[in-house]
């Protein structure tokens, strides 16, 4: 997380807080993050995208998509750069 904060600062953003949200065995991570945002009401949530593609989203669901549609705060999805071609 500290590396991500350094990258954000290099792009001109100043993260005020970095939180690692853990879910319990009976709670999905997307619901744990949603519960966190409802309890602490952040101004913005930044999450990553693994880029699973349509089939992966269909079978597994997309956490970032779920958060974009269910969080009351602004959600920014950051996609990883593509892997270098061989």
PDB file of N, CA and C in Angstrom:
ATOM      1  N   UNK A   1       0.815  -1.187   0.000  1.00  0.00           N
ATOM      2  CA  UNK A   1       0.000   0.000   0.000  1.00  0.00           C
ATOM      3  C   UNK A   1       0.863   1.257   0.000  1.00  0.00           C
ATOM      4  N   UNK A   2       1.989   1.198   0.666  1.00  0.00           N
ATOM      5  CA  UNK A   2       2.865   2.372   0.705  1.00  0.00           C
ATOM      6  C   UNK A   2       3.396   2.695  -0.680  1.00  0.00           C
ATOM      7  N   UNK A   3       3.690   1.654  -1.482  1.00  0.00           N
ATOM      8  CA  UNK A   3       4.146   1.888  -2.854  1.00  0.00           C
ATOM      9  C   UNK A   3       3.067   2.581  -3.670  1.00  0.00           C
ATOM     10  N   UNK A   4       1.831   2.163  -3.485  1.00  0.00           N
ATOM     11  CA  UNK A   4       0.706   2.780  -4.194  1.00  0.00           C
ATOM     12  C   UNK A   4       0.551   4.231  -3.766  1.00  0.00           C
ATOM     13  N   UNK A   5       0.722   4.502  -2.475  1.00  0.00           N
ATOM     14  CA  UNK A   5       0.623   5.885  -1.980  1.00  0.00           C
ATOM     15  C   UNK A   5       1.719   6.754  -2.604  1.00  0.00           C
ATOM     16  N   UNK A   6       2.929   6.212  -2.738  1.00  0.00           N
ATOM     17  CA  UNK A   6       4.022   6.962  -3.360  1.00  0.00           C
ATOM     18  C   UNK A   6       3.708   7.283  -4.818  1.00  0.00           C
ATOM     19  N   UNK A   7       3.120   6.304  -5.527  1.00  0.00           N
ATOM     20  CA  UNK A   7       2.750   6.532  -6.923  1.00  0.00           C
ATOM     21  C   UNK A   7       1.665   7.594  -7.030  1.00  0.00           C
ATOM     22  N   UNK A   8       0.691   7.555  -6.104  1.00  0.00           N
ATOM     23  CA  UNK A   8      -0.379   8.549  -6.107  1.00  0.00           C
ATOM     24  C   UNK A   8       0.187   9.946  -5.857  1.00  0.00           C
ATOM     25  N   UNK A   9       1.125  10.041  -4.917  1.00  0.00           N
ATOM     26  CA  UNK A   9       1.748  11.342  -4.639  1.00  0.00           C
ATOM     27  C   UNK A   9       2.526  11.851  -5.844  1.00  0.00           C
ATOM     28  N   UNK A  10       3.190  10.951  -6.568  1.00  0.00           N
ATOM     29  CA  UNK A  10       3.943  11.344  -7.760  1.00  0.00           C
ATOM     30  C   UNK A  10       3.013  11.880  -8.842  1.00  0.00           C
ATOM     31  N   UNK A  11       1.743  11.448  -8.831  1.00  0.00           N
ATOM     32  CA  UNK A  11       0.766  11.931  -9.817  1.00  0.00           C
ATOM     33  C   UNK A  11       0.023  13.164  -9.321  1.00  0.00           C
ATOM     34  N   UNK A  12       0.371  13.638  -8.110  1.00  0.00           N
ATOM     35  CA  UNK A  12      -0.250  14.857  -7.612  1.00  0.00           C
ATOM     36  C   UNK A  12      -1.383  14.639  -6.635  1.00  0.00           C
ATOM     37  N   UNK A  13      -1.642  13.417  -6.222  1.00  0.00           N
ATOM     38  CA  UNK A  13      -2.694  13.124  -5.250  1.00  0.00           C
ATOM     39  C   UNK A  13      -2.072  13.003  -3.861  1.00  0.00           C
ATOM     40  N   UNK A  14      -2.823  13.354  -2.855  1.00  0.00           N
ATOM     41  CA  UNK A  14      -2.361  13.197  -1.481  1.00  0.00           C
ATOM     42  C   UNK A  14      -3.342  12.313  -0.724  1.00  0.00           C
ATOM     43  N   UNK A  15      -3.029  11.037  -0.591  1.00  0.00           N
ATOM     44  CA  UNK A  15      -3.925  10.172   0.181  1.00  0.00           C
ATOM     45  C   UNK A  15      -3.862  10.550   1.659  1.00  0.00           C
ATOM     46  N   UNK A  16      -5.014  10.782   2.254  1.00  0.00           N
ATOM     47  CA  UNK A  16      -5.055  11.152   3.666  1.00  0.00           C
ATOM     48  C   UNK A  16      -5.014   9.917   4.561  1.00  0.00           C
ATOM     49  N   UNK A  17      -5.586   8.835   4.080  1.00  0.00           N
ATOM     50  CA  UNK A  17      -5.591   7.596   4.841  1.00  0.00           C
ATOM     51  C   UNK A  17      -5.488   6.421   3.886  1.00  0.00           C
ATOM     52  N   UNK A  18      -4.799   5.390   4.316  1.00  0.00           N
ATOM     53  CA  UNK A  18      -4.756   4.135   3.584  1.00  0.00           C
ATOM     54  C   UNK A  18      -5.308   3.071   4.514  1.00  0.00           C
ATOM     55  N   UNK A  19      -6.281   2.330   4.063  1.00  0.00           N
ATOM     56  CA  UNK A  19      -6.909   1.309   4.893  1.00  0.00           C
ATOM     57  C   UNK A  19      -6.875  -0.030   4.184  1.00  0.00           C
ATOM     58  N   UNK A  20      -6.548  -1.049   4.917  1.00  0.00           N
ATOM     59  CA  UNK A  20      -6.634  -2.417   4.428  1.00  0.00           C
ATOM     60  C   UNK A  20      -7.876  -3.012   5.067  1.00  0.00           C
ATOM     61  N   UNK A  21      -8.862  -3.366   4.264  1.00  0.00           N
ATOM     62  CA  UNK A  21     -10.131  -3.885   4.776  1.00  0.00           C
ATOM     63  C   UNK A  21     -10.131  -5.391   4.610  1.00  0.00           C
ATOM     64  N   UNK A  22     -10.281  -6.082   5.718  1.00  0.00           N
ATOM     65  CA  UNK A  22     -10.353  -7.543   5.700  1.00  0.00           C
ATOM     66  C   UNK A  22     -11.786  -7.988   5.885  1.00  0.00           C
ATOM     67  N   UNK A  23     -12.164  -9.062   5.213  1.00  0.00           N
ATOM     68  CA  UNK A  23     -13.489  -9.633   5.392  1.00  0.00           C
ATOM     69  C   UNK A  23     -13.407 -10.854   6.283  1.00  0.00           C
ATOM     70  N   UNK A  24     -14.518 -11.212   6.854  1.00  0.00           N
ATOM     71  CA  UNK A  24     -14.578 -12.436   7.651  1.00  0.00           C
ATOM     72  C   UNK A  24     -14.898 -13.595   6.712  1.00  0.00           C
ATOM     73  N   UNK A  25     -14.749 -14.835   7.167  1.00  0.00           N
ATOM     74  CA  UNK A  25     -15.057 -15.976   6.292  1.00  0.00           C
ATOM     75  C   UNK A  25     -16.509 -16.003   5.795  1.00  0.00           C
ATOM     76  N   UNK A  26     -17.401 -15.317   6.522  1.00  0.00           N
ATOM     77  CA  UNK A  26     -18.808 -15.322   6.110  1.00  0.00           C
ATOM     78  C   UNK A  26     -19.198 -14.084   5.317  1.00  0.00           C
ATOM     79  N   UNK A  27     -18.250 -13.168   5.115  1.00  0.00           N
ATOM     80  CA  UNK A  27     -18.533 -11.927   4.385  1.00  0.00           C
ATOM     81  C   UNK A  27     -17.629 -11.835   3.168  1.00  0.00           C
ATOM     82  N   UNK A  28     -18.211 -11.511   2.016  1.00  0.00           N
ATOM     83  CA  UNK A  28     -17.384 -11.311   0.830  1.00  0.00           C
ATOM     84  C   UNK A  28     -16.625  -9.997   0.971  1.00  0.00           C
ATOM     85  N   UNK A  29     -15.522  -9.879   0.274  1.00  0.00           N
ATOM     86  CA  UNK A  29     -14.719  -8.660   0.374  1.00  0.00           C
ATOM     87  C   UNK A  29     -15.484  -7.448  -0.148  1.00  0.00           C
ATOM     88  N   UNK A  30     -16.301  -7.646  -1.185  1.00  0.00           N
ATOM     89  CA  UNK A  30     -17.047  -6.496  -1.700  1.00  0.00           C
ATOM     90  C   UNK A  30     -18.045  -5.980  -0.669  1.00  0.00           C
ATOM     91  N   UNK A  31     -18.653  -6.886   0.103  1.00  0.00           N
ATOM     92  CA  UNK A  31     -19.569  -6.446   1.156  1.00  0.00           C
ATOM     93  C   UNK A  31     -18.822  -5.845   2.331  1.00  0.00           C
ATOM     94  N   UNK A  32     -17.618  -6.350   2.637  1.00  0.00           N
ATOM     95  CA  UNK A  32     -16.810  -5.779   3.715  1.00  0.00           C
ATOM     96  C   UNK A  32     -16.411  -4.343   3.370  1.00  0.00           C
ATOM     97  N   UNK A  33     -16.025  -4.104   2.115  1.00  0.00           N
ATOM     98  CA  UNK A  33     -15.651  -2.752   1.691  1.00  0.00           C
ATOM     99  C   UNK A  33     -16.872  -1.841   1.702  1.00  0.00           C
ATOM    100  N   UNK A  34     -17.991  -2.334   1.213  1.00  0.00           N
ATOM    101  CA  UNK A  34     -19.228  -1.541   1.214  1.00  0.00           C
ATOM    102  C   UNK A  34     -19.633  -1.182   2.643  1.00  0.00           C
ATOM    103  N   UNK A  35     -19.559  -2.143   3.558  1.00  0.00           N
ATOM    104  CA  UNK A  35     -19.882  -1.871   4.970  1.00  0.00           C
ATOM    105  C   UNK A  35     -18.957  -0.797   5.531  1.00  0.00           C
ATOM    106  N   UNK A  36     -17.667  -0.877   5.179  1.00  0.00           N
ATOM    107  CA  UNK A  36     -16.701   0.118   5.647  1.00  0.00           C
ATOM    108  C   UNK A  36     -17.083   1.518   5.154  1.00  0.00           C
ATOM    109  N   UNK A  37     -17.428   1.628   3.873  1.00  0.00           N
ATOM    110  CA  UNK A  37     -17.760   2.944   3.325  1.00  0.00           C
ATOM    111  C   UNK A  37     -19.058   3.489   3.929  1.00  0.00           C
ATOM    112  N   UNK A  38     -19.981   2.608   4.284  1.00  0.00           N
ATOM    113  CA  UNK A  38     -21.216   3.077   4.911  1.00  0.00           C
ATOM    114  C   UNK A  38     -20.974   3.538   6.349  1.00  0.00           C
ATOM    115  N   UNK A  39     -20.022   2.912   7.028  1.00  0.00           N
ATOM    116  CA  UNK A  39     -19.729   3.265   8.414  1.00  0.00           C
ATOM    117  C   UNK A  39     -18.882   4.529   8.523  1.00  0.00           C
ATOM    118  N   UNK A  40     -17.858   4.670   7.668  1.00  0.00           N
ATOM    119  CA  UNK A  40     -16.914   5.770   7.797  1.00  0.00           C
ATOM    120  C   UNK A  40     -17.095   6.877   6.763  1.00  0.00           C
ATOM    121  N   UNK A  41     -17.977   6.700   5.796  1.00  0.00           N
ATOM    122  CA  UNK A  41     -18.334   7.687   4.762  1.00  0.00           C
ATOM    123  C   UNK A  41     -17.135   8.457   4.184  1.00  0.00           C
ATOM    124  N   UNK A  42     -16.239   7.756   3.486  1.00  0.00           N
ATOM    125  CA  UNK A  42     -15.110   8.461   2.850  1.00  0.00           C
ATOM    126  C   UNK A  42     -15.595   9.319   1.687  1.00  0.00           C
ATOM    127  N   UNK A  43     -14.788  10.290   1.309  1.00  0.00           N
ATOM    128  CA  UNK A  43     -15.109  11.125   0.141  1.00  0.00           C
ATOM    129  C   UNK A  43     -14.920  10.347  -1.149  1.00  0.00           C
ATOM    130  N   UNK A  44     -13.911   9.463  -1.156  1.00  0.00           N
ATOM    131  CA  UNK A  44     -13.585   8.729  -2.371  1.00  0.00           C
ATOM    132  C   UNK A  44     -12.999   7.373  -2.004  1.00  0.00           C
ATOM    133  N   UNK A  45     -13.281   6.391  -2.840  1.00  0.00           N
ATOM    134  CA  UNK A  45     -12.721   5.054  -2.699  1.00  0.00           C
ATOM    135  C   UNK A  45     -11.962   4.739  -3.984  1.00  0.00           C
ATOM    136  N   UNK A  46     -10.716   4.329  -3.846  1.00  0.00           N
ATOM    137  CA  UNK A  46      -9.911   3.936  -5.000  1.00  0.00           C
ATOM    138  C   UNK A  46      -9.688   2.443  -4.904  1.00  0.00           C
ATOM    139  N   UNK A  47     -10.046   1.723  -5.962  1.00  0.00           N
ATOM    140  CA  UNK A  47      -9.836   0.274  -5.969  1.00  0.00           C
ATOM    141  C   UNK A  47      -9.214  -0.129  -7.302  1.00  0.00           C
ATOM    142  N   UNK A  48      -8.626  -1.295  -7.304  1.00  0.00           N
ATOM    143  CA  UNK A  48      -7.960  -1.789  -8.497  1.00  0.00           C
ATOM    144  C   UNK A  48      -8.850  -2.693  -9.315  1.00  0.00           C
ATOM    145  N   UNK A  49      -8.440  -2.913 -10.534  1.00  0.00           N
ATOM    146  CA  UNK A  49      -9.139  -3.831 -11.431  1.00  0.00           C
ATOM    147  C   UNK A  49      -8.127  -4.831 -11.951  1.00  0.00           C
ATOM    148  N   UNK A  50      -8.474  -6.108 -11.850  1.00  0.00           N
ATOM    149  CA  UNK A  50      -7.568  -7.139 -12.346  1.00  0.00           C
ATOM    150  C   UNK A  50      -7.757  -7.402 -13.825  1.00  0.00           C
ATOM    151  N   UNK A  51      -8.820  -6.907 -14.403  1.00  0.00           N
ATOM    152  CA  UNK A  51      -9.061  -7.094 -15.829  1.00  0.00           C
ATOM    153  C   UNK A  51      -9.363  -8.536 -16.204  1.00  0.00           C
ATOM    154  N   UNK A  52     -10.316  -9.145 -15.502  1.00  0.00           N
ATOM    155  CA  UNK A  52     -10.649 -10.553 -15.752  1.00  0.00           C
ATOM    156  C   UNK A  52     -11.335 -10.779 -17.087  1.00  0.00           C
ATOM    157  N   UNK A  53     -11.953  -9.762 -17.616  1.00  0.00           N
ATOM    158  CA  UNK A  53     -12.693  -9.931 -18.858  1.00  0.00           C
ATOM    159  C   UNK A  53     -14.143 -10.319 -18.580  1.00  0.00           C
ATOM    160  N   UNK A  54     -14.929 -10.390 -19.638  1.00  0.00           N
ATOM    161  CA  UNK A  54     -16.368 -10.638 -19.507  1.00  0.00           C
ATOM    162  C   UNK A  54     -16.687 -11.987 -18.868  1.00  0.00           C
ATOM    163  N   UNK A  55     -15.957 -13.022 -19.253  1.00  0.00           N
ATOM    164  CA  UNK A  55     -16.247 -14.359 -18.700  1.00  0.00           C
ATOM    165  C   UNK A  55     -15.935 -14.423 -17.213  1.00  0.00           C
ATOM    166  N   UNK A  56     -14.838 -13.856 -16.791  1.00  0.00           N
ATOM    167  CA  UNK A  56     -14.486 -13.844 -15.371  1.00  0.00           C
ATOM    168  C   UNK A  56     -15.497 -13.083 -14.550  1.00  0.00           C
ATOM    169  N   UNK A  57     -15.945 -11.928 -15.075  1.00  0.00           N
ATOM    170  CA  UNK A  57     -16.961 -11.146 -14.360  1.00  0.00           C
ATOM    171  C   UNK A  57     -18.269 -11.907 -14.273  1.00  0.00           C
ATOM    172  N   UNK A  58     -18.613 -12.635 -15.342  1.00  0.00           N
ATOM    173  CA  UNK A  58     -19.878 -13.360 -15.356  1.00  0.00           C
ATOM    174  C   UNK A  58     -19.891 -14.454 -14.281  1.00  0.00           C
ATOM    175  N   UNK A  59     -18.793 -15.175 -14.134  1.00  0.00           N
ATOM    176  CA  UNK A  59     -18.755 -16.289 -13.196  1.00  0.00           C
ATOM    177  C   UNK A  59     -18.363 -15.867 -11.779  1.00  0.00           C
ATOM    178  N   UNK A  60     -17.430 -14.947 -11.652  1.00  0.00           N
ATOM    179  CA  UNK A  60     -16.920 -14.572 -10.336  1.00  0.00           C
ATOM    180  C   UNK A  60     -17.499 -13.262  -9.832  1.00  0.00           C
ATOM    181  N   UNK A  61     -17.924 -12.412 -10.730  1.00  0.00           N
ATOM    182  CA  UNK A  61     -18.387 -11.091 -10.337  1.00  0.00           C
ATOM    183  C   UNK A  61     -17.209 -10.148 -10.205  1.00  0.00           C
ATOM    184  N   UNK A  62     -17.441  -8.888 -10.379  1.00  0.00           N
ATOM    185  CA  UNK A  62     -16.384  -7.886 -10.307  1.00  0.00           C
ATOM    186  C   UNK A  62     -16.591  -7.056  -9.047  1.00  0.00           C
ATOM    187  N   UNK A  63     -15.593  -7.049  -8.171  1.00  0.00           N
ATOM    188  CA  UNK A  63     -15.680  -6.253  -6.951  1.00  0.00           C
ATOM    189  C   UNK A  63     -15.779  -4.776  -7.308  1.00  0.00           C
ATOM    190  N   UNK A  64     -14.929  -4.321  -8.231  1.00  0.00           N
ATOM    191  CA  UNK A  64     -14.940  -2.903  -8.592  1.00  0.00           C
ATOM    192  C   UNK A  64     -16.284  -2.489  -9.194  1.00  0.00           C
ATOM    193  N   UNK A  65     -16.874  -3.340 -10.036  1.00  0.00           N
ATOM    194  CA  UNK A  65     -18.182  -3.042 -10.620  1.00  0.00           C
ATOM    195  C   UNK A  65     -19.249  -2.959  -9.526  1.00  0.00           C
ATOM    196  N   UNK A  66     -19.225  -3.895  -8.597  1.00  0.00           N
ATOM    197  CA  UNK A  66     -20.173  -3.899  -7.481  1.00  0.00           C
ATOM    198  C   UNK A  66     -20.047  -2.604  -6.671  1.00  0.00           C
ATOM    199  N   UNK A  67     -18.806  -2.212  -6.372  1.00  0.00           N
ATOM    200  CA  UNK A  67     -18.586  -1.013  -5.575  1.00  0.00           C
ATOM    201  C   UNK A  67     -19.036   0.239  -6.317  1.00  0.00           C
ATOM    202  N   UNK A  68     -18.779   0.304  -7.625  1.00  0.00           N
ATOM    203  CA  UNK A  68     -19.208   1.468  -8.409  1.00  0.00           C
ATOM    204  C   UNK A  68     -20.723   1.649  -8.359  1.00  0.00           C
ATOM    205  N   UNK A  69     -21.451   0.551  -8.341  1.00  0.00           N
ATOM    206  CA  UNK A  69     -22.911   0.630  -8.371  1.00  0.00           C
ATOM    207  C   UNK A  69     -23.553   0.702  -6.997  1.00  0.00           C
ATOM    208  N   UNK A  70     -22.821   0.399  -5.925  1.00  0.00           N
ATOM    209  CA  UNK A  70     -23.443   0.332  -4.604  1.00  0.00           C
ATOM    210  C   UNK A  70     -22.886   1.298  -3.571  1.00  0.00           C
ATOM    211  N   UNK A  71     -21.692   1.830  -3.766  1.00  0.00           N
ATOM    212  CA  UNK A  71     -21.126   2.784  -2.808  1.00  0.00           C
ATOM    213  C   UNK A  71     -21.786   4.145  -2.974  1.00  0.00           C
ATOM    214  N   UNK A  72     -21.954   4.827  -1.851  1.00  0.00           N
ATOM    215  CA  UNK A  72     -22.532   6.167  -1.898  1.00  0.00           C
ATOM    216  C   UNK A  72     -21.477   7.226  -2.207  1.00  0.00           C
ATOM    217  N   UNK A  73     -20.199   6.871  -2.045  1.00  0.00           N
ATOM    218  CA  UNK A  73     -19.127   7.824  -2.339  1.00  0.00           C
ATOM    219  C   UNK A  73     -18.620   7.605  -3.765  1.00  0.00           C
ATOM    220  N   UNK A  74     -17.765   8.495  -4.204  1.00  0.00           N
ATOM    221  CA  UNK A  74     -17.139   8.368  -5.512  1.00  0.00           C
ATOM    222  C   UNK A  74     -16.193   7.173  -5.504  1.00  0.00           C
ATOM    223  N   UNK A  75     -16.258   6.357  -6.552  1.00  0.00           N
ATOM    224  CA  UNK A  75     -15.376   5.192  -6.676  1.00  0.00           C
ATOM    225  C   UNK A  75     -14.516   5.386  -7.921  1.00  0.00           C
ATOM    226  N   UNK A  76     -13.206   5.299  -7.744  1.00  0.00           N
ATOM    227  CA  UNK A  76     -12.264   5.395  -8.853  1.00  0.00           C
ATOM    228  C   UNK A  76     -11.629   4.023  -9.024  1.00  0.00           C
ATOM    229  N   UNK A  77     -11.733   3.462 -10.224  1.00  0.00           N
ATOM    230  CA  UNK A  77     -11.160   2.148 -10.515  1.00  0.00           C
ATOM    231  C   UNK A  77      -9.876   2.363 -11.302  1.00  0.00           C
ATOM    232  N   UNK A  78      -8.790   1.814 -10.772  1.00  0.00           N
ATOM    233  CA  UNK A  78      -7.479   1.956 -11.394  1.00  0.00           C
ATOM    234  C   UNK A  78      -7.112   0.626 -12.019  1.00  0.00           C
ATOM    235  N   UNK A  79      -6.878   0.658 -13.310  1.00  0.00           N
ATOM    236  CA  UNK A  79      -6.510  -0.555 -14.031  1.00  0.00           C
ATOM    237  C   UNK A  79      -4.992  -0.656 -14.130  1.00  0.00           C
ATOM    238  N   UNK A  80      -4.476  -1.855 -13.907  1.00  0.00           N
ATOM    239  CA  UNK A  80      -3.034  -2.085 -14.027  1.00  0.00           C
ATOM    240  C   UNK A  80      -2.607  -1.933 -15.476  1.00  0.00           C
ATOM    241  N   UNK A  81      -1.380  -1.468 -15.682  1.00  0.00           N
ATOM    242  CA  UNK A  81      -0.892  -1.382 -17.068  1.00  0.00           C
ATOM    243  C   UNK A  81      -0.771  -2.784 -17.656  1.00  0.00           C
ATOM    244  N   UNK A  82      -0.931  -2.910 -18.962  1.00  0.00           N
ATOM    245  CA  UNK A  82      -0.830  -4.235 -19.579  1.00  0.00           C
ATOM    246  C   UNK A  82       0.571  -4.815 -19.425  1.00  0.00           C
ATOM    247  N   UNK A  83       0.625  -6.120 -19.353  1.00  0.00           N
ATOM    248  CA  UNK A  83       1.917  -6.798 -19.265  1.00  0.00           C
ATOM    249  C   UNK A  83       2.685  -6.609 -20.579  1.00  0.00           C
ATOM    250  N   UNK A  84       3.998  -6.484 -20.512  1.00  0.00           N
ATOM    251  CA  UNK A  84       4.769  -6.317 -21.748  1.00  0.00           C
ATOM    252  C   UNK A  84       4.633  -7.529 -22.650  1.00  0.00           C
ATOM    253  N   UNK A  85       4.547  -7.267 -23.943  1.00  0.00           N
ATOM    254  CA  UNK A  85       4.425  -8.369 -24.913  1.00  0.00           C
ATOM    255  C   UNK A  85       5.773  -9.051 -25.085  1.00  0.00           C
ATOM    256  N   UNK A  86       5.714 -10.337 -25.239  1.00  0.00           N
ATOM    257  CA  UNK A  86       6.956 -11.122 -25.422  1.00  0.00           C
ATOM    258  C   UNK A  86       7.381 -11.160 -26.851  1.00  0.00           C
TER     259      UNK A  86
END
